[in-house]
Amino acid sequence: MRIFNAIFLAASLSVGSFVAYADERPPNIIFIMADDLGYAELGSYGQEKIKTPNLDQFASEGMRFTQHYTSAPVCAPARCSLMTGLHGGHAEVRDNFEIGTWESHDGQLPLTAGAVTIGEVLKKKGYKTGAFGKWGMGGVGSTGDPLKQGFDRFFGYNCQRHAHNLFPKYLIDDAGKRVLPGNDRGLYGETYAPQMVADELLKFVRENKDEPFFAYYPTIIPHLALQVPNEELEAYEGQWKETPYTGKSYLPHPKPRAAYASMITFMDKQVGRVMASLKELNLDENTIVFFTSDNGATFLKEQVDYEFFNSVNGLNGLKGSIYEGGIRIPMLVRWPGKIEAGTTSDHVSAHYDAMATLAEVAGTPIESKHDGISYLPTLLGKDQPEHEYLAWDFGGYGGQVAIRKGDWKGLKRNMKKKPDTPLELYNLVTDREEKNDVAAKNPAIVAEMEKLLLEAREEPAQERFRFGKYE
């Protein structure tokens, strides 16, 4: 708790220091988050098979982070930490938690009324706020409804399970439904939801071009099911040998490699549309755009051949794991005239830094507790305050916790069954693939990591998220 309060104080004191850099009005902010995009699935991160020309240009015009992390290796807790600025040891949501069905609009465990989101922080500064894509933190009318969590506009899926189909019968349009013509939740349909979501995002940008806006764009791509319009699939058909996926957990697809690559390239095209719109509307230089992923690539190999695509570039683990492949993610940031083009940063940061960063960009304080440290100084080439450590506390996949401090990473797995499981220790500089557990050779570092793990944990209100020790 002592570290939590110290981080809160330090971050809060730094917020507002950007006011001197601001133009006549605060800059617009667009935060794009892919869904299950692996660390190395963009050309700028070494991808060789999947084409991402717009995001590659984005990287060449901005900054590429090499040590950026999600706050959790699955959807709901990652989104909760991003929005609230709290790491897993303090967050309300620490695993996916279904409380109803997408048909009933219940979806996942909602944020409480007391939660404070990035949307609320920026709205107080006068920003028009909109969210477009997958929310996953509360259904229509719940305390977690985005319209009750600081957003003026919402279009997309408020339920993650509803988002498992990209040709759905409807999408949520603020508090109502918009029926999508020609769709029956089959493999194909007439109206591709990711296209409509992107269209609504661009409409929001156009409608609010004359005032500061914050657009949160958590696209549902490339999360399964494998679904893409035929005209997009054509670009990759016949390039690679295919083993049809017959549909055990998601809809079947005859050409899974081509479909997956096509989905990512489609997403890239939408990012290109966003950048073109900013230039067309003369907003380019006063808009900072972020691009990242919610967690690592999926482990469902029959559908996503992560080895064929080299999706995590040799890192250990995938989605659901607190090894690097599950939590280290791409992050690109672009802001012409402010961020030096074509730069790379090895600053160690996490999604829960987003609230502090965006608040400092906007020049507004954060009045709620949070764990983040703004990385705006890194973006502007200035001296950067560092975290003492990054923390993960994830209730899923058996219960997992982790600490990264400097080059060292300590982690524990399967804690629901084995609360006293020994800590694994890795040096990420000499062992980026986390193959050699050196805990036995470094008892003093293990003891320090054990202490930090307990220090970073607060017992959650939800019993479902509890495991291991809290003191």
Protein backbone atom coordinates (compact mmCIF):
# COMPACT_ATOMS: atom_id res chain seq x y z
CA MET A 1 0.00 0.00 0.00
CA ARG A 2 2.88 2.39 0.74
CA ILE A 3 4.19 2.05 -2.82
CA PHE A 4 0.70 2.51 -4.26
CA ASN A 5 0.23 5.81 -2.45
CA ALA A 6 3.71 6.99 -3.39
CA ILE A 7 3.10 6.29 -7.06
CA PHE A 8 -0.27 8.04 -6.86
CA LEU A 9 1.31 11.13 -5.32
CA ALA A 10 4.23 11.27 -7.74
CA ALA A 11 2.04 10.79 -10.80
CA SER A 12 -0.52 13.32 -9.60
CA LEU A 13 2.14 15.95 -9.03
CA SER A 14 3.46 15.49 -12.57
CA VAL A 15 0.07 15.88 -14.24
CA GLY A 16 -0.50 19.31 -15.74
CA SER A 17 3.17 19.91 -16.52
CA PHE A 18 2.35 19.61 -20.22
CA VAL A 19 0.21 22.75 -20.22
CA ALA A 20 3.20 24.79 -21.41
CA TYR A 21 3.43 22.67 -24.57
CA ALA A 22 -0.26 22.82 -25.47
CA ASP A 23 -1.61 24.70 -28.47
CA GLU A 24 -4.60 27.03 -28.22
CA ARG A 25 -6.80 24.07 -27.40
CA PRO A 26 -5.82 20.77 -25.79
CA PRO A 27 -4.74 18.14 -28.31
CA ASN A 28 -7.15 15.54 -29.58
CA ILE A 29 -6.43 12.00 -28.41
CA ILE A 30 -7.14 8.74 -30.25
CA PHE A 31 -6.33 5.49 -28.46
CA ILE A 32 -6.51 2.41 -30.68
CA MET A 33 -6.33 -1.05 -29.13
CA ALA A 34 -6.25 -4.26 -31.14
CA ASP A 35 -7.71 -7.47 -29.71
CA ASP A 36 -5.29 -10.42 -29.22
CA LEU A 37 -2.65 -8.95 -31.54
CA GLY A 38 0.71 -10.56 -30.81
CA TYR A 39 3.91 -8.66 -30.07
CA ALA A 40 5.41 -9.39 -33.51
CA GLU A 41 2.37 -9.28 -35.80
CA LEU A 42 3.16 -5.84 -37.26
CA GLY A 43 5.83 -5.17 -39.84
CA SER A 44 7.48 -2.64 -37.53
CA TYR A 45 7.97 -5.43 -34.98
CA GLY A 46 9.44 -7.90 -37.46
CA GLN A 47 6.37 -9.49 -39.07
CA GLU A 48 7.22 -10.81 -42.54
CA LYS A 49 4.03 -12.52 -43.76
CA ILE A 50 1.19 -10.20 -42.76
CA LYS A 51 1.05 -6.84 -44.51
CA THR A 52 0.55 -3.78 -42.27
CA PRO A 53 1.71 -0.83 -44.43
CA ASN A 54 -0.29 1.87 -42.64
CA LEU A 55 0.90 0.90 -39.18
CA ASP A 56 4.44 0.55 -40.50
CA GLN A 57 4.23 4.13 -41.76
CA PHE A 58 2.70 5.10 -38.40
CA ALA A 59 5.79 3.66 -36.68
CA SER A 60 8.15 5.48 -39.07
CA GLU A 61 6.42 8.77 -38.20
CA GLY A 62 6.31 8.24 -34.43
CA MET A 63 7.77 6.20 -31.58
CA ARG A 64 7.88 2.43 -31.18
CA PHE A 65 8.02 0.94 -27.68
CA THR A 66 9.87 -2.35 -27.19
CA GLN A 67 9.04 -3.00 -23.52
CA HIS A 68 5.39 -2.05 -23.17
CA TYR A 69 3.03 -4.37 -21.33
CA THR A 70 -0.63 -5.10 -20.93
CA SER A 71 -1.95 -5.14 -17.38
CA ALA A 72 -3.45 -8.62 -17.81
CA PRO A 73 -3.23 -11.38 -20.44
CA VAL A 74 -6.98 -11.52 -21.24
CA CYS A 75 -9.67 -9.06 -22.29
CA ALA A 76 -11.70 -7.74 -19.35
CA PRO A 77 -8.96 -7.14 -16.76
CA ALA A 78 -6.69 -5.61 -19.39
CA ARG A 79 -9.42 -3.15 -20.35
CA CYS A 80 -10.26 -2.38 -16.74
CA SER A 81 -6.65 -1.52 -15.87
CA LEU A 82 -6.24 0.54 -19.03
CA MET A 83 -9.35 2.58 -18.33
CA THR A 84 -8.84 3.04 -14.56
CA GLY A 85 -5.06 3.29 -14.26
CA LEU A 86 -4.86 0.50 -11.69
CA HIS A 87 -2.67 -2.59 -11.96
CA GLY A 88 -4.11 -6.03 -11.25
CA GLY A 89 -3.30 -5.91 -7.56
CA HIS A 90 -5.62 -2.91 -7.09
CA ALA A 91 -8.11 -3.24 -9.95
CA GLU A 92 -11.80 -4.09 -9.64
CA VAL A 93 -11.72 -6.64 -12.47
CA ARG A 94 -8.93 -9.25 -12.35
CA ASP A 95 -10.20 -11.91 -14.76
CA ASN A 96 -12.94 -12.42 -17.33
CA PHE A 97 -16.18 -12.81 -15.37
CA GLU A 98 -19.39 -13.63 -17.21
CA ILE A 99 -22.51 -12.54 -15.31
CA GLY A 100 -25.10 -13.05 -18.02
CA THR A 101 -25.49 -13.39 -21.76
CA TRP A 102 -24.94 -11.06 -24.65
CA GLU A 103 -28.60 -11.47 -25.56
CA SER A 104 -29.62 -10.03 -22.17
CA HIS A 105 -27.00 -7.25 -22.42
CA ASP A 106 -25.48 -8.34 -19.09
CA GLY A 107 -22.16 -9.57 -20.43
CA GLN A 108 -19.21 -9.19 -18.07
CA LEU A 109 -18.81 -7.93 -14.51
CA PRO A 110 -19.43 -4.17 -14.68
CA LEU A 111 -17.20 -1.47 -13.31
CA THR A 112 -18.67 -0.04 -10.12
CA ALA A 113 -20.21 3.41 -9.93
CA GLY A 114 -17.16 4.51 -7.96
CA ALA A 115 -14.66 3.60 -10.66
CA VAL A 116 -12.94 6.52 -12.38
CA THR A 117 -12.04 6.11 -16.04
CA ILE A 118 -9.92 7.97 -18.56
CA GLY A 119 -13.19 9.08 -20.14
CA GLU A 120 -14.26 10.80 -16.93
CA VAL A 121 -10.88 12.46 -16.42
CA LEU A 122 -10.84 13.92 -19.95
CA LYS A 123 -14.52 14.83 -19.93
CA LYS A 124 -13.89 17.13 -16.96
CA LYS A 125 -11.34 18.94 -19.11
CA GLY A 126 -14.01 19.56 -21.74
CA TYR A 127 -13.24 16.71 -24.12
CA LYS A 128 -15.98 15.12 -26.17
CA THR A 129 -15.55 11.40 -25.52
CA GLY A 130 -16.46 8.36 -27.60
CA ALA A 131 -15.76 4.61 -27.47
CA PHE A 132 -16.02 2.40 -30.54
CA GLY A 133 -15.56 -1.36 -30.57
CA LYS A 134 -15.40 -3.83 -27.67
CA TRP A 135 -16.07 -2.50 -24.18
CA GLY A 136 -16.36 -5.59 -21.93
CA MET A 137 -16.80 -3.71 -18.64
CA GLY A 138 -20.57 -3.59 -18.23
CA GLY A 139 -23.77 -3.93 -20.19
CA VAL A 140 -26.39 -1.39 -21.17
CA GLY A 141 -27.82 0.32 -18.10
CA SER A 142 -25.33 -1.22 -15.66
CA THR A 143 -22.91 0.79 -13.52
CA GLY A 144 -20.23 -0.15 -16.05
CA ASP A 145 -22.13 1.09 -19.10
CA PRO A 146 -19.66 3.32 -21.00
CA LEU A 147 -22.32 6.04 -21.05
CA LYS A 148 -22.08 6.02 -17.23
CA GLN A 149 -18.29 5.85 -17.23
CA GLY A 150 -17.38 9.12 -18.89
CA PHE A 151 -18.27 8.51 -22.54
CA ASP A 152 -20.69 10.66 -24.52
CA ARG A 153 -20.92 8.13 -27.34
CA PHE A 154 -20.64 4.35 -27.61
CA PHE A 155 -20.96 2.09 -30.62
CA GLY A 156 -20.01 -1.56 -30.77
CA TYR A 157 -20.13 -4.56 -28.48
CA ASN A 158 -20.50 -3.99 -24.76
CA CYS A 159 -20.27 -7.78 -24.21
CA GLN A 160 -17.12 -9.71 -25.11
CA ARG A 161 -19.01 -12.89 -25.96
CA HIS A 162 -21.25 -11.01 -28.39
CA ALA A 163 -18.00 -9.84 -30.01
CA HIS A 164 -17.06 -13.43 -30.91
CA ASN A 165 -18.96 -12.91 -34.14
CA LEU A 166 -17.99 -10.25 -36.68
CA PHE A 167 -21.23 -10.52 -38.67
CA PRO A 168 -23.66 -10.06 -35.74
CA LYS A 169 -27.35 -9.32 -36.05
CA TYR A 170 -26.91 -5.99 -34.24
CA LEU A 171 -24.48 -3.71 -32.44
CA ILE A 172 -25.07 -1.51 -29.40
CA ASP A 173 -25.68 2.10 -30.42
CA ASP A 174 -25.43 4.16 -27.21
CA ALA A 175 -28.23 2.56 -25.14
CA GLY A 176 -30.09 0.93 -28.03
CA LYS A 177 -29.53 -1.57 -30.83
CA ARG A 178 -28.65 -1.01 -34.45
CA VAL A 179 -29.66 -3.93 -36.63
CA LEU A 180 -27.04 -4.92 -39.20
CA PRO A 181 -28.65 -5.79 -42.54
CA GLY A 182 -28.09 -9.25 -43.98
CA ASN A 183 -26.43 -10.80 -40.93
CA ASP A 184 -27.42 -13.97 -39.04
CA ARG A 185 -24.24 -14.59 -36.97
CA GLY A 186 -22.94 -16.99 -39.61
CA LEU A 187 -19.45 -17.10 -41.11
CA TYR A 188 -20.37 -14.44 -43.68
CA GLY A 189 -22.97 -11.70 -43.90
CA GLU A 190 -23.74 -8.46 -45.67
CA THR A 191 -22.55 -6.04 -42.97
CA TYR A 192 -19.07 -6.47 -41.48
CA ALA A 193 -19.19 -5.11 -37.96
CA PRO A 194 -15.54 -3.95 -37.81
CA GLN A 195 -16.20 -1.82 -40.90
CA MET A 196 -19.27 -0.21 -39.34
CA VAL A 197 -17.44 0.43 -36.07
CA ALA A 198 -14.62 2.18 -37.94
CA ASP A 199 -17.18 4.22 -39.90
CA GLU A 200 -18.80 5.41 -36.65
CA LEU A 201 -15.41 6.33 -35.21
CA LEU A 202 -14.60 8.47 -38.25
CA LYS A 203 -18.04 10.07 -38.06
CA PHE A 204 -17.35 10.99 -34.42
CA VAL A 205 -14.03 12.57 -35.41
CA ARG A 206 -15.66 14.62 -38.17
CA GLU A 207 -18.54 15.76 -35.95
CA ASN A 208 -16.18 16.91 -33.20
CA LYS A 209 -13.35 18.37 -35.26
CA ASP A 210 -13.92 21.84 -33.81
CA GLU A 211 -13.51 20.84 -30.14
CA PRO A 212 -11.09 18.61 -28.23
CA PHE A 213 -12.07 14.96 -28.49
CA PHE A 214 -10.97 11.64 -27.06
CA ALA A 215 -11.74 8.63 -29.23
CA TYR A 216 -11.17 5.20 -27.68
CA TYR A 217 -11.09 2.59 -30.45
CA PRO A 218 -10.84 -0.96 -29.03
CA THR A 219 -11.25 -2.79 -32.32
CA ILE A 220 -12.37 -6.44 -32.11
CA ILE A 221 -9.71 -7.57 -34.59
CA PRO A 222 -7.94 -10.01 -34.77
CA HIS A 223 -9.82 -11.84 -31.99
CA LEU A 224 -11.55 -15.00 -33.14
CA ALA A 225 -13.78 -16.05 -34.83
CA LEU A 226 -11.94 -16.02 -38.17
CA GLN A 227 -14.27 -13.84 -40.23
CA VAL A 228 -13.44 -11.41 -42.97
CA PRO A 229 -15.20 -10.27 -46.17
CA ASN A 230 -14.30 -12.32 -49.24
CA GLU A 231 -12.82 -9.31 -51.02
CA GLU A 232 -10.33 -8.90 -48.15
CA LEU A 233 -9.49 -12.61 -48.09
CA GLU A 234 -8.53 -12.59 -51.77
CA ALA A 235 -5.25 -10.78 -51.03
CA TYR A 236 -3.88 -13.84 -49.20
CA GLU A 237 -5.69 -16.76 -50.86
CA GLY A 238 -3.35 -19.36 -52.29
CA GLN A 239 -0.22 -17.94 -50.67
CA TRP A 240 0.22 -20.70 -48.09
CA LYS A 241 -0.69 -24.31 -47.49
CA GLU A 242 -3.90 -24.46 -45.44
CA THR A 243 -5.42 -26.91 -42.98
CA PRO A 244 -9.15 -26.11 -42.70
CA TYR A 245 -10.44 -25.33 -39.23
CA THR A 246 -13.58 -27.38 -38.59
CA GLY A 247 -15.05 -25.29 -35.81
CA LYS A 248 -14.71 -26.72 -32.31
CA SER A 249 -14.61 -23.50 -30.29
CA TYR A 250 -15.45 -20.84 -32.91
CA LEU A 251 -16.94 -20.80 -36.39
CA PRO A 252 -15.11 -22.97 -38.96
CA HIS A 253 -12.97 -21.52 -41.71
CA PRO A 254 -11.47 -23.32 -44.73
CA LYS A 255 -8.41 -21.04 -44.95
CA PRO A 256 -7.39 -20.00 -41.42
CA ARG A 257 -3.96 -18.60 -42.28
CA ALA A 258 -5.30 -16.39 -45.05
CA ALA A 259 -8.27 -15.35 -42.92
CA TYR A 260 -6.11 -14.32 -39.94
CA ALA A 261 -3.68 -12.34 -42.08
CA SER A 262 -6.61 -10.69 -43.88
CA MET A 263 -8.18 -9.60 -40.60
CA ILE A 264 -4.99 -7.87 -39.45
CA THR A 265 -4.53 -6.21 -42.84
CA PHE A 266 -8.15 -5.03 -42.70
CA MET A 267 -7.47 -3.52 -39.28
CA ASP A 268 -4.40 -1.82 -40.72
CA LYS A 269 -6.55 -0.27 -43.45
CA GLN A 270 -8.87 1.24 -40.83
CA VAL A 271 -5.89 2.81 -39.06
CA GLY A 272 -4.91 4.24 -42.44
CA ARG A 273 -8.40 5.72 -42.78
CA VAL A 274 -8.06 7.35 -39.36
CA MET A 275 -4.73 8.95 -40.27
CA ALA A 276 -6.04 10.14 -43.63
CA SER A 277 -9.07 11.72 -41.96
CA LEU A 278 -6.91 13.63 -39.51
CA LYS A 279 -4.93 15.10 -42.41
CA GLU A 280 -8.06 15.89 -44.40
CA LEU A 281 -9.58 17.72 -41.41
CA ASN A 282 -6.33 19.58 -40.62
CA LEU A 283 -6.17 17.85 -37.23
CA ASP A 284 -3.00 15.86 -37.79
CA GLU A 285 -0.56 18.03 -35.87
CA ASN A 286 -2.85 18.56 -32.91
CA THR A 287 -3.82 14.90 -32.47
CA ILE A 288 -1.80 12.30 -30.61
CA VAL A 289 -2.60 8.73 -31.66
CA PHE A 290 -1.74 5.59 -29.71
CA PHE A 291 -1.83 2.03 -31.05
CA THR A 292 -1.46 -1.09 -28.91
CA SER A 293 -3.01 -4.50 -28.16
CA ASP A 294 -4.96 -5.76 -25.16
CA ASN A 295 -2.80 -8.90 -24.70
CA GLY A 296 -0.70 -11.45 -26.57
CA ALA A 297 -1.69 -13.69 -29.48
CA THR A 298 -4.21 -16.46 -28.93
CA PHE A 299 -3.04 -19.98 -28.06
CA LEU A 300 -5.66 -21.68 -30.28
CA LYS A 301 -3.18 -22.92 -32.86
CA GLU A 302 -5.68 -24.66 -35.18
CA GLN A 303 -7.13 -21.23 -35.89
CA VAL A 304 -4.15 -18.92 -35.44
CA ASP A 305 -0.86 -20.53 -36.42
CA TYR A 306 1.29 -18.40 -34.13
CA GLU A 307 4.42 -20.41 -34.97
CA PHE A 308 3.93 -19.94 -38.72
CA PHE A 309 3.43 -16.19 -38.26
CA ASN A 310 6.11 -15.91 -35.54
CA SER A 311 3.47 -13.99 -33.62
CA VAL A 312 5.49 -13.34 -30.44
CA ASN A 313 9.00 -13.47 -31.92
CA GLY A 314 10.33 -16.20 -29.65
CA LEU A 315 8.89 -14.91 -26.39
CA ASN A 316 7.55 -17.52 -23.99
CA GLY A 317 3.79 -17.82 -23.57
CA LEU A 318 0.67 -16.57 -25.31
CA LYS A 319 -2.69 -15.11 -24.31
CA GLY A 320 -3.63 -16.15 -20.76
CA SER A 321 -0.01 -16.37 -19.61
CA ILE A 322 2.04 -13.92 -17.56
CA TYR A 323 5.16 -14.99 -19.42
CA GLU A 324 6.34 -12.31 -21.85
CA GLY A 325 4.45 -13.63 -24.87
CA GLY A 326 1.15 -13.15 -23.06
CA ILE A 327 1.77 -9.66 -21.72
CA ARG A 328 4.43 -7.87 -23.80
CA ILE A 329 2.64 -6.06 -26.58
CA PRO A 330 3.30 -3.60 -29.39
CA MET A 331 2.79 0.09 -28.76
CA LEU A 332 3.19 2.90 -31.27
CA VAL A 333 2.58 6.60 -30.61
CA ARG A 334 2.46 9.31 -33.25
CA TRP A 335 2.23 13.09 -32.83
CA PRO A 336 3.74 15.15 -35.68
CA GLY A 337 5.99 17.94 -34.49
CA LYS A 338 6.05 16.67 -30.91
CA ILE A 339 7.35 13.08 -31.13
CA GLU A 340 10.53 12.61 -33.12
CA ALA A 341 9.77 10.45 -36.14
CA GLY A 342 11.20 6.95 -36.41
CA THR A 343 12.29 6.68 -32.78
CA THR A 344 12.36 3.59 -30.56
CA SER A 345 12.09 3.47 -26.78
CA ASP A 346 12.95 0.70 -24.34
CA HIS A 347 11.14 2.49 -21.49
CA VAL A 348 9.38 -0.12 -19.34
CA SER A 349 5.70 0.83 -19.21
CA ALA A 350 2.23 -0.68 -18.97
CA HIS A 351 -1.38 -0.06 -19.93
CA TYR A 352 -2.11 1.31 -16.49
CA ASP A 353 0.18 4.24 -17.36
CA ALA A 354 -2.30 5.39 -20.01
CA MET A 355 -4.51 7.41 -17.68
CA ALA A 356 -1.56 9.38 -16.29
CA THR A 357 -0.15 9.89 -19.79
CA LEU A 358 -3.38 11.06 -21.39
CA ALA A 359 -4.17 13.34 -18.47
CA GLU A 360 -0.76 14.98 -18.78
CA VAL A 361 -1.21 15.38 -22.53
CA ALA A 362 -4.54 17.11 -21.87
CA GLY A 363 -3.12 19.19 -19.01
CA THR A 364 -5.61 18.01 -16.42
CA PRO A 365 -5.17 16.46 -12.95
CA ILE A 366 -6.23 13.00 -11.81
CA GLU A 367 -8.08 13.11 -8.52
CA SER A 368 -8.49 9.36 -8.05
CA LYS A 369 -5.92 6.80 -6.90
CA HIS A 370 -3.98 5.16 -9.69
CA ASP A 371 -0.75 3.25 -10.26
CA GLY A 372 0.40 4.90 -13.45
CA ILE A 373 3.35 7.09 -14.33
CA SER A 374 3.01 9.26 -17.42
CA TYR A 375 5.37 8.34 -20.23
CA LEU A 376 4.81 11.68 -21.98
CA PRO A 377 8.40 12.71 -21.10
CA THR A 378 9.66 9.71 -23.09
CA LEU A 379 7.48 10.71 -26.04
CA LEU A 380 8.88 14.25 -25.95
CA GLY A 381 12.50 13.20 -25.44
CA LYS A 382 12.69 14.45 -21.83
CA ASP A 383 13.80 12.90 -18.55
CA GLN A 384 11.44 10.06 -17.66
CA PRO A 385 10.43 8.99 -14.13
CA GLU A 386 10.56 5.20 -13.82
CA HIS A 387 8.41 2.67 -12.01
CA GLU A 388 10.01 0.95 -9.04
CA TYR A 389 8.33 -2.12 -10.49
CA LEU A 390 5.46 -3.30 -12.68
CA ALA A 391 2.92 -5.66 -11.09
CA TRP A 392 0.47 -8.24 -12.42
CA ASP A 393 -2.25 -9.98 -10.41
CA PHE A 394 -4.39 -12.19 -12.63
CA GLY A 395 -7.12 -14.48 -11.32
CA GLY A 396 -7.43 -16.56 -14.50
CA TYR A 397 -5.70 -19.67 -15.79
CA GLY A 398 -5.03 -21.00 -12.30
CA GLY A 399 -4.12 -17.71 -10.61
CA GLN A 400 -0.91 -15.90 -11.58
CA VAL A 401 1.13 -13.00 -10.21
CA ALA A 402 4.29 -11.31 -11.45
CA ILE A 403 6.67 -8.46 -10.69
CA ARG A 404 9.14 -6.84 -13.06
CA LYS A 405 11.86 -4.73 -11.45
CA GLY A 406 14.65 -3.58 -13.69
CA ASP A 407 15.90 -6.53 -15.70
CA TRP A 408 14.44 -9.05 -13.26
CA LYS A 409 11.05 -10.68 -13.46
CA GLY A 410 9.56 -12.88 -10.76
CA LEU A 411 6.34 -14.81 -11.25
CA LYS A 412 4.11 -17.48 -9.74
CA ARG A 413 1.56 -19.68 -11.49
CA ASN A 414 -1.20 -22.11 -10.48
CA MET A 415 -1.65 -20.36 -7.15
CA LYS A 416 -5.28 -21.37 -6.73
CA LYS A 417 -4.20 -24.97 -6.26
CA LYS A 418 -0.77 -24.23 -4.81
CA PRO A 419 -0.77 -20.94 -2.82
CA ASP A 420 2.82 -21.55 -1.70
CA THR A 421 4.18 -22.35 -5.14
CA PRO A 422 7.81 -21.22 -5.44
CA LEU A 423 8.68 -18.08 -7.33
CA GLU A 424 10.24 -18.36 -10.76
CA LEU A 425 12.95 -15.80 -11.52
CA TYR A 426 14.25 -14.67 -14.90
CA ASN A 427 16.68 -12.04 -16.14
CA LEU A 428 14.99 -10.58 -19.21
CA VAL A 429 18.22 -9.18 -20.66
CA THR A 430 20.10 -12.47 -20.75
CA ASP A 431 17.00 -14.67 -21.07
CA ARG A 432 14.21 -12.89 -22.96
CA GLU A 433 12.56 -16.25 -23.67
CA GLU A 434 12.29 -17.05 -19.94
CA LYS A 435 13.78 -20.50 -20.34
CA ASN A 436 16.18 -20.50 -17.39
CA ASP A 437 14.68 -20.12 -13.93
CA VAL A 438 17.54 -18.74 -11.80
CA ALA A 439 15.66 -18.47 -8.49
CA ALA A 440 17.86 -21.03 -6.75
CA LYS A 441 21.00 -19.03 -7.57
CA ASN A 442 19.58 -15.65 -6.42
CA PRO A 443 17.92 -16.06 -3.00
CA ALA A 444 18.23 -12.37 -2.10
CA ILE A 445 16.45 -11.27 -5.29
CA VAL A 446 13.78 -13.92 -4.75
CA ALA A 447 13.17 -12.59 -1.23
CA GLU A 448 12.83 -9.04 -2.57
CA MET A 449 10.40 -10.17 -5.28
CA GLU A 450 8.30 -12.07 -2.73
CA LYS A 451 8.09 -8.93 -0.61
CA LEU A 452 7.06 -6.78 -3.58
CA LEU A 453 4.41 -9.28 -4.66
CA LEU A 454 2.71 -9.02 -1.29
CA GLU A 455 3.14 -5.25 -1.20
CA ALA A 456 1.40 -4.90 -4.59
CA ARG A 457 -1.65 -7.00 -3.66
CA GLU A 458 -4.91 -5.79 -2.16
CA GLU A 459 -7.64 -8.34 -1.51
CA PRO A 460 -10.33 -7.89 -4.18
CA ALA A 461 -13.99 -7.34 -3.34
CA GLN A 462 -15.00 -10.22 -5.61
CA GLU A 463 -14.34 -13.62 -4.05
CA ARG A 464 -13.85 -15.10 -7.50
CA PHE A 465 -10.65 -13.10 -7.94
CA ARG A 466 -9.08 -14.16 -4.62
CA PHE A 467 -6.17 -16.58 -4.45
CA GLY A 468 -2.89 -16.87 -2.60
CA LYS A 469 -1.79 -14.53 0.19
CA TYR A 470 -2.48 -10.84 0.72
CA GLU A 471 -0.29 -10.14 3.74
